[in-house]
Amino acid sequence: MGAGAVYLWLGFGVVCVSFASIFIRLADAPPLTVAAYRMSIAALVVGVAAGATARRRFGAIRRSDLPILAFSGVCLAAHFALWITSLSLTSVASSALFVTATPVFAAAGARFLRVDRIGRLTAAAVAVSIAGGAVIALGDWDAGGRRLMGDALALGGAAAVAGYLLVGRRVRGRIPNLPYIAVVYAAAAIALLAFAAANGSPLTGLPAKSYLWMALAALVPQAVGHTILNWALGYVPVVNLTLAVRAEPVLATLLAIPILAEIPPWTVVPGGALLLLGVYLAVRSEDARRRDV
């Protein structure tokens, strides 16, 4: 397949992922309910696909891998629980920008887990991202503690998904992608259903439109968008893919203006630029580390 076609599909995948915040807002349901349904539907779709096309590859999963996969699923569940809750408290722009700071946590976490010295580029990425987050939070300050809590939860969601990625690195070299995702998604779905039940979040009796938007949130951004992004890894460098995904908060912010009539605070522009610069530096740092290994 030609490079132009690959990048066209990659762009389509990024657009699909960018609709996640919009569908979640339109669902108008308790955050843990939305998170549980999104992950459960995605786990069902991936599980059926894995069973149909990669059943024999499940043999690569050892019994000793199960606790690691379960912990990875819990990290993914925490990501969705924190991020989707943040969308009920702060703007789509702020939430999307903070939750896409994952590479900053991943780069720093990889250094710490390997007991490596934090390089200048990683340190710069963390510093620039903190500055960007502070600017965005400054714009949300006037809206009160609710907005700031939403910003903090989205940032926690970024840290949680970084943990999911870092934990997954230990086993992804041996376990094929589809069986790995099927097990982790199932673990995340079980965890979110348990979170929702413990919190008293309703799973039944919601308006039909809520179920429709939750299903779309599972199918379009997760099953379609993330599948395309994983497919694109076979054709484009990881750094190029990661930088392409950085367009998600920009597209989500633009989509929220006509669909949700939500105008972000002016600080999202300078703060978002700093935050995305920090993410870019983190990606560069991680890429340099891999070349040195």
C-alpha atoms as a PDB file:
ATOM      1  CA  MET A   1       0.000   0.000   0.000  1.00  0.00           C
ATOM      2  CA  GLY A   2       1.291   3.448  -0.910  1.00  0.00           C
ATOM      3  CA  ALA A   3       2.398   5.932   1.744  1.00  0.00           C
ATOM      4  CA  GLY A   4      -0.365   8.352   0.766  1.00  0.00           C
ATOM      5  CA  ALA A   5      -3.077   5.746   1.337  1.00  0.00           C
ATOM      6  CA  VAL A   6      -1.558   4.718   4.677  1.00  0.00           C
ATOM      7  CA  TYR A   7      -1.512   8.285   5.963  1.00  0.00           C
ATOM      8  CA  LEU A   8      -5.049   8.806   4.671  1.00  0.00           C
ATOM      9  CA  TRP A   9      -6.217   5.838   6.755  1.00  0.00           C
ATOM     10  CA  LEU A  10      -4.152   7.102   9.684  1.00  0.00           C
ATOM     11  CA  GLY A  11      -5.896  10.452   9.462  1.00  0.00           C
ATOM     12  CA  PHE A  12      -9.271   8.702   9.405  1.00  0.00           C
ATOM     13  CA  GLY A  13      -8.284   6.753  12.511  1.00  0.00           C
ATOM     14  CA  VAL A  14      -7.324   9.940  14.354  1.00  0.00           C
ATOM     15  CA  VAL A  15     -10.668  11.525  13.417  1.00  0.00           C
ATOM     16  CA  CYS A  16     -12.513   8.467  14.773  1.00  0.00           C
ATOM     17  CA  VAL A  17     -10.610   8.651  18.066  1.00  0.00           C
ATOM     18  CA  SER A  18     -11.327  12.386  18.313  1.00  0.00           C
ATOM     19  CA  PHE A  19     -15.072  11.707  18.478  1.00  0.00           C
ATOM     20  CA  ALA A  20     -14.715   9.871  21.807  1.00  0.00           C
ATOM     21  CA  SER A  21     -15.197  12.985  23.964  1.00  0.00           C
ATOM     22  CA  ILE A  22     -18.204  14.083  21.903  1.00  0.00           C
ATOM     23  CA  PHE A  23     -20.015  10.732  22.084  1.00  0.00           C
ATOM     24  CA  ILE A  24     -19.359  10.473  25.822  1.00  0.00           C
ATOM     25  CA  ARG A  25     -20.820  13.934  26.448  1.00  0.00           C
ATOM     26  CA  LEU A  26     -23.858  13.168  24.267  1.00  0.00           C
ATOM     27  CA  ALA A  27     -24.494   9.923  26.175  1.00  0.00           C
ATOM     28  CA  ASP A  28     -25.491  12.090  29.164  1.00  0.00           C
ATOM     29  CA  ALA A  29     -25.056   9.182  31.609  1.00  0.00           C
ATOM     30  CA  PRO A  30     -23.030   8.693  34.822  1.00  0.00           C
ATOM     31  CA  PRO A  31     -19.282   8.544  33.998  1.00  0.00           C
ATOM     32  CA  LEU A  32     -18.691   5.046  35.382  1.00  0.00           C
ATOM     33  CA  THR A  33     -21.724   3.767  33.499  1.00  0.00           C
ATOM     34  CA  VAL A  34     -20.343   5.151  30.234  1.00  0.00           C
ATOM     35  CA  ALA A  35     -16.866   3.774  30.974  1.00  0.00           C
ATOM     36  CA  ALA A  36     -18.235   0.316  31.805  1.00  0.00           C
ATOM     37  CA  TYR A  37     -20.368   0.114  28.660  1.00  0.00           C
ATOM     38  CA  ARG A  38     -17.661   1.466  26.361  1.00  0.00           C
ATOM     39  CA  MET A  39     -15.089  -1.037  27.602  1.00  0.00           C
ATOM     40  CA  SER A  40     -17.523  -3.970  27.774  1.00  0.00           C
ATOM     41  CA  ILE A  41     -18.725  -3.479  24.185  1.00  0.00           C
ATOM     42  CA  ALA A  42     -15.159  -3.044  22.941  1.00  0.00           C
ATOM     43  CA  ALA A  43     -14.057  -6.162  24.853  1.00  0.00           C
ATOM     44  CA  LEU A  44     -16.892  -8.153  23.297  1.00  0.00           C
ATOM     45  CA  VAL A  45     -16.019  -7.023  19.754  1.00  0.00           C
ATOM     46  CA  VAL A  46     -12.295  -7.687  20.200  1.00  0.00           C
ATOM     47  CA  GLY A  47     -12.942 -10.998  21.966  1.00  0.00           C
ATOM     48  CA  VAL A  48     -15.107 -12.279  19.100  1.00  0.00           C
ATOM     49  CA  ALA A  49     -12.500 -11.144  16.549  1.00  0.00           C
ATOM     50  CA  ALA A  50      -9.678 -12.784  18.509  1.00  0.00           C
ATOM     51  CA  GLY A  51     -11.619 -16.023  18.906  1.00  0.00           C
ATOM     52  CA  ALA A  52     -12.389 -16.143  15.195  1.00  0.00           C
ATOM     53  CA  THR A  53      -8.965 -15.256  13.805  1.00  0.00           C
ATOM     54  CA  ALA A  54      -6.328 -15.849  16.489  1.00  0.00           C
ATOM     55  CA  ARG A  55      -7.614 -18.642  18.722  1.00  0.00           C
ATOM     56  CA  ARG A  56      -4.375 -20.660  18.539  1.00  0.00           C
ATOM     57  CA  ARG A  57      -2.287 -17.636  19.483  1.00  0.00           C
ATOM     58  CA  PHE A  58      -3.806 -17.565  22.963  1.00  0.00           C
ATOM     59  CA  GLY A  59      -1.381 -20.403  23.752  1.00  0.00           C
ATOM     60  CA  ALA A  60       1.381 -17.798  23.978  1.00  0.00           C
ATOM     61  CA  ILE A  61      -0.168 -16.526  27.224  1.00  0.00           C
ATOM     62  CA  ARG A  62       1.377 -18.261  30.237  1.00  0.00           C
ATOM     63  CA  ARG A  63      -0.297 -18.645  33.588  1.00  0.00           C
ATOM     64  CA  SER A  64       2.361 -16.379  35.101  1.00  0.00           C
ATOM     65  CA  ASP A  65       1.312 -13.665  32.614  1.00  0.00           C
ATOM     66  CA  LEU A  66      -2.262 -13.466  33.910  1.00  0.00           C
ATOM     67  CA  PRO A  67      -1.546 -11.245  36.970  1.00  0.00           C
ATOM     68  CA  ILE A  68       0.396  -8.849  34.735  1.00  0.00           C
ATOM     69  CA  LEU A  69      -2.386  -8.755  32.151  1.00  0.00           C
ATOM     70  CA  ALA A  70      -4.965  -8.245  34.892  1.00  0.00           C
ATOM     71  CA  PHE A  71      -2.987  -5.334  36.335  1.00  0.00           C
ATOM     72  CA  SER A  72      -2.647  -3.856  32.847  1.00  0.00           C
ATOM     73  CA  GLY A  73      -6.428  -4.095  32.495  1.00  0.00           C
ATOM     74  CA  VAL A  74      -6.970  -2.367  35.835  1.00  0.00           C
ATOM     75  CA  CYS A  75      -4.689   0.480  34.712  1.00  0.00           C
ATOM     76  CA  LEU A  76      -6.726   0.797  31.496  1.00  0.00           C
ATOM     77  CA  ALA A  77      -9.953   0.757  33.530  1.00  0.00           C
ATOM     78  CA  ALA A  78      -8.585   3.507  35.788  1.00  0.00           C
ATOM     79  CA  HIS A  79      -7.730   5.550  32.687  1.00  0.00           C
ATOM     80  CA  PHE A  80     -11.292   5.404  31.375  1.00  0.00           C
ATOM     81  CA  ALA A  81     -12.866   5.965  34.792  1.00  0.00           C
ATOM     82  CA  LEU A  82     -10.734   9.049  35.479  1.00  0.00           C
ATOM     83  CA  TRP A  83     -10.885  10.552  31.993  1.00  0.00           C
ATOM     84  CA  ILE A  84     -14.610  10.041  31.402  1.00  0.00           C
ATOM     85  CA  THR A  85     -15.343  11.487  34.843  1.00  0.00           C
ATOM     86  CA  SER A  86     -13.190  14.499  33.963  1.00  0.00           C
ATOM     87  CA  LEU A  87     -15.427  15.185  30.941  1.00  0.00           C
ATOM     88  CA  SER A  88     -18.354  15.765  33.298  1.00  0.00           C
ATOM     89  CA  LEU A  89     -16.371  18.371  35.228  1.00  0.00           C
ATOM     90  CA  THR A  90     -14.219  20.324  32.782  1.00  0.00           C
ATOM     91  CA  SER A  91     -14.230  21.349  29.121  1.00  0.00           C
ATOM     92  CA  VAL A  92     -13.600  18.916  26.271  1.00  0.00           C
ATOM     93  CA  ALA A  93     -10.537  20.968  25.310  1.00  0.00           C
ATOM     94  CA  SER A  94      -8.917  20.846  28.758  1.00  0.00           C
ATOM     95  CA  SER A  95      -9.768  17.164  29.292  1.00  0.00           C
ATOM     96  CA  ALA A  96      -8.481  16.090  25.870  1.00  0.00           C
ATOM     97  CA  LEU A  97      -5.255  18.057  26.246  1.00  0.00           C
ATOM     98  CA  PHE A  98      -4.452  16.728  29.711  1.00  0.00           C
ATOM     99  CA  VAL A  99      -5.303  13.106  28.932  1.00  0.00           C
ATOM    100  CA  THR A 100      -3.023  13.094  25.865  1.00  0.00           C
ATOM    101  CA  ALA A 101      -0.005  13.894  28.063  1.00  0.00           C
ATOM    102  CA  THR A 102       0.560  10.125  28.325  1.00  0.00           C
ATOM    103  CA  PRO A 103       3.949  10.109  26.502  1.00  0.00           C
ATOM    104  CA  VAL A 104       5.365  12.410  29.203  1.00  0.00           C
ATOM    105  CA  PHE A 105       4.478   9.895  31.919  1.00  0.00           C
ATOM    106  CA  ALA A 106       5.537   6.961  29.736  1.00  0.00           C
ATOM    107  CA  ALA A 107       8.964   8.432  28.969  1.00  0.00           C
ATOM    108  CA  ALA A 108       9.644   9.351  32.592  1.00  0.00           C
ATOM    109  CA  GLY A 109       8.228   6.047  33.863  1.00  0.00           C
ATOM    110  CA  ALA A 110      10.342   4.011  31.459  1.00  0.00           C
ATOM    111  CA  ARG A 111      13.445   5.730  32.776  1.00  0.00           C
ATOM    112  CA  PHE A 112      12.532   5.103  36.395  1.00  0.00           C
ATOM    113  CA  LEU A 113      11.520   1.473  35.866  1.00  0.00           C
ATOM    114  CA  ARG A 114      14.818   0.748  34.152  1.00  0.00           C
ATOM    115  CA  VAL A 115      16.719   2.698  36.788  1.00  0.00           C
ATOM    116  CA  ASP A 116      18.132   4.943  34.073  1.00  0.00           C
ATOM    117  CA  ARG A 117      19.161   8.519  34.528  1.00  0.00           C
ATOM    118  CA  ILE A 118      16.507  10.970  33.349  1.00  0.00           C
ATOM    119  CA  GLY A 119      17.925  12.642  30.266  1.00  0.00           C
ATOM    120  CA  ARG A 120      17.759  16.340  29.485  1.00  0.00           C
ATOM    121  CA  LEU A 121      15.080  15.859  26.847  1.00  0.00           C
ATOM    122  CA  THR A 122      12.834  13.931  29.240  1.00  0.00           C
ATOM    123  CA  ALA A 123      13.362  16.525  31.965  1.00  0.00           C
ATOM    124  CA  ALA A 124      12.543  19.294  29.479  1.00  0.00           C
ATOM    125  CA  ALA A 125       9.400  17.425  28.389  1.00  0.00           C
ATOM    126  CA  VAL A 126       8.170  17.180  31.973  1.00  0.00           C
ATOM    127  CA  ALA A 127       8.958  20.850  32.699  1.00  0.00           C
ATOM    128  CA  VAL A 128       7.290  22.159  29.537  1.00  0.00           C
ATOM    129  CA  SER A 129       4.228  19.957  30.076  1.00  0.00           C
ATOM    130  CA  ILE A 130       3.866  21.156  33.664  1.00  0.00           C
ATOM    131  CA  ALA A 131       4.043  24.747  32.429  1.00  0.00           C
ATOM    132  CA  GLY A 132       1.387  24.064  29.801  1.00  0.00           C
ATOM    133  CA  GLY A 133      -0.857  22.381  32.338  1.00  0.00           C
ATOM    134  CA  ALA A 134      -0.475  25.342  34.682  1.00  0.00           C
ATOM    135  CA  VAL A 135      -1.546  27.767  31.954  1.00  0.00           C
ATOM    136  CA  ILE A 136      -4.636  25.692  31.107  1.00  0.00           C
ATOM    137  CA  ALA A 137      -5.503  25.371  34.793  1.00  0.00           C
ATOM    138  CA  LEU A 138      -5.171  29.144  35.128  1.00  0.00           C
ATOM    139  CA  GLY A 139      -7.921  29.560  32.548  1.00  0.00           C
ATOM    140  CA  ASP A 140     -10.116  27.096  34.452  1.00  0.00           C
ATOM    141  CA  TRP A 141      -9.448  28.815  37.785  1.00  0.00           C
ATOM    142  CA  ASP A 142     -12.296  31.301  37.348  1.00  0.00           C
ATOM    143  CA  ALA A 143     -14.731  28.438  36.730  1.00  0.00           C
ATOM    144  CA  GLY A 144     -14.079  27.104  40.222  1.00  0.00           C
ATOM    145  CA  GLY A 145     -12.774  23.922  41.793  1.00  0.00           C
ATOM    146  CA  ARG A 146     -15.021  21.720  39.639  1.00  0.00           C
ATOM    147  CA  ARG A 147     -13.058  22.552  36.485  1.00  0.00           C
ATOM    148  CA  LEU A 148      -9.720  22.126  38.249  1.00  0.00           C
ATOM    149  CA  MET A 149     -10.801  18.738  39.608  1.00  0.00           C
ATOM    150  CA  GLY A 150     -11.703  17.710  36.058  1.00  0.00           C
ATOM    151  CA  ASP A 151      -8.269  18.783  34.842  1.00  0.00           C
ATOM    152  CA  ALA A 152      -6.607  16.757  37.622  1.00  0.00           C
ATOM    153  CA  LEU A 153      -8.679  13.663  36.806  1.00  0.00           C
ATOM    154  CA  ALA A 154      -7.776  13.889  33.101  1.00  0.00           C
ATOM    155  CA  LEU A 155      -4.100  14.134  34.056  1.00  0.00           C
ATOM    156  CA  GLY A 156      -4.564  11.085  36.266  1.00  0.00           C
ATOM    157  CA  GLY A 157      -6.103   9.318  33.275  1.00  0.00           C
ATOM    158  CA  ALA A 158      -2.954  10.049  31.272  1.00  0.00           C
ATOM    159  CA  ALA A 159      -0.778   8.593  34.050  1.00  0.00           C
ATOM    160  CA  ALA A 160      -2.993   5.489  34.279  1.00  0.00           C
ATOM    161  CA  VAL A 161      -2.800   4.699  30.575  1.00  0.00           C
ATOM    162  CA  ALA A 162       0.975   5.209  30.724  1.00  0.00           C
ATOM    163  CA  GLY A 163       1.022   2.516  33.408  1.00  0.00           C
ATOM    164  CA  TYR A 164      -1.054   0.292  31.116  1.00  0.00           C
ATOM    165  CA  LEU A 165       1.484   0.745  28.318  1.00  0.00           C
ATOM    166  CA  LEU A 166       4.532   0.260  30.543  1.00  0.00           C
ATOM    167  CA  VAL A 167       3.133  -2.908  32.102  1.00  0.00           C
ATOM    168  CA  GLY A 168       2.239  -4.226  28.663  1.00  0.00           C
ATOM    169  CA  ARG A 169       5.815  -3.866  27.451  1.00  0.00           C
ATOM    170  CA  ARG A 170       6.868  -6.755  29.680  1.00  0.00           C
ATOM    171  CA  VAL A 171       4.785  -9.289  27.767  1.00  0.00           C
ATOM    172  CA  ARG A 172       3.988  -7.785  24.350  1.00  0.00           C
ATOM    173  CA  GLY A 173       7.229  -9.160  22.916  1.00  0.00           C
ATOM    174  CA  ARG A 174       5.906 -12.714  23.374  1.00  0.00           C
ATOM    175  CA  ILE A 175       2.126 -12.363  23.193  1.00  0.00           C
ATOM    176  CA  PRO A 176       0.470 -11.486  19.847  1.00  0.00           C
ATOM    177  CA  ASN A 177      -1.450  -8.232  19.762  1.00  0.00           C
ATOM    178  CA  LEU A 178      -5.020  -9.552  19.406  1.00  0.00           C
ATOM    179  CA  PRO A 179      -4.906 -12.112  22.261  1.00  0.00           C
ATOM    180  CA  TYR A 180      -3.168  -9.546  24.468  1.00  0.00           C
ATOM    181  CA  ILE A 181      -5.798  -6.867  23.800  1.00  0.00           C
ATOM    182  CA  ALA A 182      -8.648  -9.371  24.198  1.00  0.00           C
ATOM    183  CA  VAL A 183      -7.512 -10.409  27.690  1.00  0.00           C
ATOM    184  CA  VAL A 184      -6.626  -6.876  28.839  1.00  0.00           C
ATOM    185  CA  TYR A 185      -9.884  -5.407  27.511  1.00  0.00           C
ATOM    186  CA  ALA A 186     -11.832  -8.152  29.282  1.00  0.00           C
ATOM    187  CA  ALA A 187     -10.007  -7.432  32.558  1.00  0.00           C
ATOM    188  CA  ALA A 188     -10.660  -3.700  32.155  1.00  0.00           C
ATOM    189  CA  ALA A 189     -14.351  -4.318  31.434  1.00  0.00           C
ATOM    190  CA  ILE A 190     -14.733  -6.505  34.540  1.00  0.00           C
ATOM    191  CA  ALA A 191     -12.978  -3.881  36.675  1.00  0.00           C
ATOM    192  CA  LEU A 192     -15.182  -1.060  35.348  1.00  0.00           C
ATOM    193  CA  LEU A 193     -18.367  -3.071  35.857  1.00  0.00           C
ATOM    194  CA  ALA A 194     -17.245  -3.681  39.444  1.00  0.00           C
ATOM    195  CA  PHE A 195     -16.430   0.042  39.901  1.00  0.00           C
ATOM    196  CA  ALA A 196     -19.856   1.018  38.544  1.00  0.00           C
ATOM    197  CA  ALA A 197     -21.680  -1.473  40.775  1.00  0.00           C
ATOM    198  CA  ALA A 198     -19.754  -0.383  43.876  1.00  0.00           C
ATOM    199  CA  ASN A 199     -20.479   3.259  43.089  1.00  0.00           C
ATOM    200  CA  GLY A 200     -24.172   2.630  42.492  1.00  0.00           C
ATOM    201  CA  SER A 201     -23.965   3.793  38.875  1.00  0.00           C
ATOM    202  CA  PRO A 202     -26.984   2.472  36.918  1.00  0.00           C
ATOM    203  CA  LEU A 203     -26.431  -0.015  34.111  1.00  0.00           C
ATOM    204  CA  THR A 204     -30.104  -0.332  33.166  1.00  0.00           C
ATOM    205  CA  GLY A 205     -33.085   1.979  32.868  1.00  0.00           C
ATOM    206  CA  LEU A 206     -31.266   4.665  30.890  1.00  0.00           C
ATOM    207  CA  PRO A 207     -32.763   6.489  27.872  1.00  0.00           C
ATOM    208  CA  ALA A 208     -32.321   4.706  24.540  1.00  0.00           C
ATOM    209  CA  LYS A 209     -30.175   7.561  23.213  1.00  0.00           C
ATOM    210  CA  SER A 210     -27.688   7.024  26.046  1.00  0.00           C
ATOM    211  CA  TYR A 211     -27.137   3.422  24.982  1.00  0.00           C
ATOM    212  CA  LEU A 212     -26.773   4.544  21.357  1.00  0.00           C
ATOM    213  CA  TRP A 213     -24.063   7.106  22.146  1.00  0.00           C
ATOM    214  CA  MET A 214     -22.244   4.691  24.474  1.00  0.00           C
ATOM    215  CA  ALA A 215     -22.251   2.051  21.735  1.00  0.00           C
ATOM    216  CA  LEU A 216     -20.879   4.575  19.252  1.00  0.00           C
ATOM    217  CA  ALA A 217     -18.185   5.564  21.789  1.00  0.00           C
ATOM    218  CA  ALA A 218     -17.134   1.920  21.945  1.00  0.00           C
ATOM    219  CA  LEU A 219     -17.314   1.171  18.214  1.00  0.00           C
ATOM    220  CA  VAL A 220     -16.039   4.317  16.468  1.00  0.00           C
ATOM    221  CA  PRO A 221     -13.122   5.584  18.625  1.00  0.00           C
ATOM    222  CA  GLN A 222     -12.195   2.225  20.203  1.00  0.00           C
ATOM    223  CA  ALA A 223     -12.982  -0.631  17.803  1.00  0.00           C
ATOM    224  CA  VAL A 224     -12.419   1.345  14.574  1.00  0.00           C
ATOM    225  CA  GLY A 225     -10.085   4.208  15.525  1.00  0.00           C
ATOM    226  CA  HIS A 226      -7.641   2.306  17.729  1.00  0.00           C
ATOM    227  CA  THR A 227      -7.650  -0.692  15.374  1.00  0.00           C
ATOM    228  CA  ILE A 228      -6.578   1.565  12.495  1.00  0.00           C
ATOM    229  CA  LEU A 229      -3.845   3.122  14.654  1.00  0.00           C
ATOM    230  CA  ASN A 230      -2.512  -0.337  15.571  1.00  0.00           C
ATOM    231  CA  TRP A 231      -2.638  -1.355  11.901  1.00  0.00           C
ATOM    232  CA  ALA A 232      -0.743   1.796  10.883  1.00  0.00           C
ATOM    233  CA  LEU A 233       2.170   0.784  13.143  1.00  0.00           C
ATOM    234  CA  GLY A 234       3.072  -1.767  10.481  1.00  0.00           C
ATOM    235  CA  TYR A 235       3.608   0.996   7.910  1.00  0.00           C
ATOM    236  CA  VAL A 236       4.710   4.189   9.667  1.00  0.00           C
ATOM    237  CA  PRO A 237       7.326   4.920  12.351  1.00  0.00           C
ATOM    238  CA  VAL A 238       6.086   4.956  15.946  1.00  0.00           C
ATOM    239  CA  VAL A 239       7.110   8.605  16.349  1.00  0.00           C
ATOM    240  CA  ASN A 240       5.091   9.645  13.286  1.00  0.00           C
ATOM    241  CA  LEU A 241       2.062   7.772  14.613  1.00  0.00           C
ATOM    242  CA  THR A 242       2.385   9.304  18.078  1.00  0.00           C
ATOM    243  CA  LEU A 243       2.675  12.804  16.646  1.00  0.00           C
ATOM    244  CA  ALA A 244      -0.362  12.211  14.402  1.00  0.00           C
ATOM    245  CA  VAL A 245      -2.420  11.235  17.455  1.00  0.00           C
ATOM    246  CA  ARG A 246      -1.507  14.588  19.022  1.00  0.00           C
ATOM    247  CA  ALA A 247      -4.087  16.068  16.650  1.00  0.00           C
ATOM    248  CA  GLU A 248      -6.830  14.401  18.730  1.00  0.00           C
ATOM    249  CA  PRO A 249      -7.275  17.190  21.323  1.00  0.00           C
ATOM    250  CA  VAL A 250      -7.297  19.827  18.579  1.00  0.00           C
ATOM    251  CA  LEU A 251      -9.984  17.987  16.602  1.00  0.00           C
ATOM    252  CA  ALA A 252     -11.994  17.216  19.748  1.00  0.00           C
ATOM    253  CA  THR A 253     -11.928  20.905  20.708  1.00  0.00           C
ATOM    254  CA  LEU A 254     -13.063  21.975  17.239  1.00  0.00           C
ATOM    255  CA  LEU A 255     -15.833  19.353  17.176  1.00  0.00           C
ATOM    256  CA  ALA A 256     -17.103  20.482  20.587  1.00  0.00           C
ATOM    257  CA  ILE A 257     -17.716  24.030  19.334  1.00  0.00           C
ATOM    258  CA  PRO A 258     -20.543  23.261  16.822  1.00  0.00           C
ATOM    259  CA  ILE A 259     -21.824  19.999  18.362  1.00  0.00           C
ATOM    260  CA  LEU A 260     -21.765  20.887  22.076  1.00  0.00           C
ATOM    261  CA  ALA A 261     -21.719  24.702  21.731  1.00  0.00           C
ATOM    262  CA  GLU A 262     -18.655  24.698  23.995  1.00  0.00           C
ATOM    263  CA  ILE A 263     -16.127  27.507  23.608  1.00  0.00           C
ATOM    264  CA  PRO A 264     -12.878  26.736  25.438  1.00  0.00           C
ATOM    265  CA  PRO A 265     -11.105  29.390  27.559  1.00  0.00           C
ATOM    266  CA  TRP A 266      -8.419  31.409  25.769  1.00  0.00           C
ATOM    267  CA  THR A 267      -5.660  29.805  27.876  1.00  0.00           C
ATOM    268  CA  VAL A 268      -6.232  26.510  26.047  1.00  0.00           C
ATOM    269  CA  VAL A 269      -4.282  27.865  23.049  1.00  0.00           C
ATOM    270  CA  PRO A 270      -0.961  28.812  24.755  1.00  0.00           C
ATOM    271  CA  GLY A 271      -1.309  26.116  27.429  1.00  0.00           C
ATOM    272  CA  GLY A 272      -2.199  23.461  24.885  1.00  0.00           C
ATOM    273  CA  ALA A 273       0.748  24.459  22.706  1.00  0.00           C
ATOM    274  CA  LEU A 274       3.129  24.039  25.651  1.00  0.00           C
ATOM    275  CA  LEU A 275       1.540  20.744  26.673  1.00  0.00           C
ATOM    276  CA  LEU A 276       1.782  19.345  23.144  1.00  0.00           C
ATOM    277  CA  LEU A 277       5.388  20.555  22.895  1.00  0.00           C
ATOM    278  CA  GLY A 278       6.128  18.624  26.075  1.00  0.00           C
ATOM    279  CA  VAL A 279       4.505  15.537  24.573  1.00  0.00           C
ATOM    280  CA  TYR A 280       6.595  15.953  21.414  1.00  0.00           C
ATOM    281  CA  LEU A 281       9.808  16.212  23.470  1.00  0.00           C
ATOM    282  CA  ALA A 282       8.814  13.108  25.438  1.00  0.00           C
ATOM    283  CA  VAL A 283       8.277  11.171  22.208  1.00  0.00           C
ATOM    284  CA  ARG A 284      11.658  12.341  20.897  1.00  0.00           C
ATOM    285  CA  SER A 285      13.294  11.310  24.160  1.00  0.00           C
ATOM    286  CA  GLU A 286      11.755   7.844  24.059  1.00  0.00           C
ATOM    287  CA  ASP A 287      12.690   7.408  20.387  1.00  0.00           C
ATOM    288  CA  ALA A 288      16.305   8.403  21.127  1.00  0.00           C
ATOM    289  CA  ARG A 289      16.414   5.920  24.004  1.00  0.00           C
ATOM    290  CA  ARG A 290      15.243   3.088  21.738  1.00  0.00           C
ATOM    291  CA  ARG A 291      17.900   3.895  19.144  1.00  0.00           C
ATOM    292  CA  ASP A 292      20.572   3.764  21.834  1.00  0.00           C
ATOM    293  CA  VAL A 293      19.474   0.352  23.135  1.00  0.00           C
END
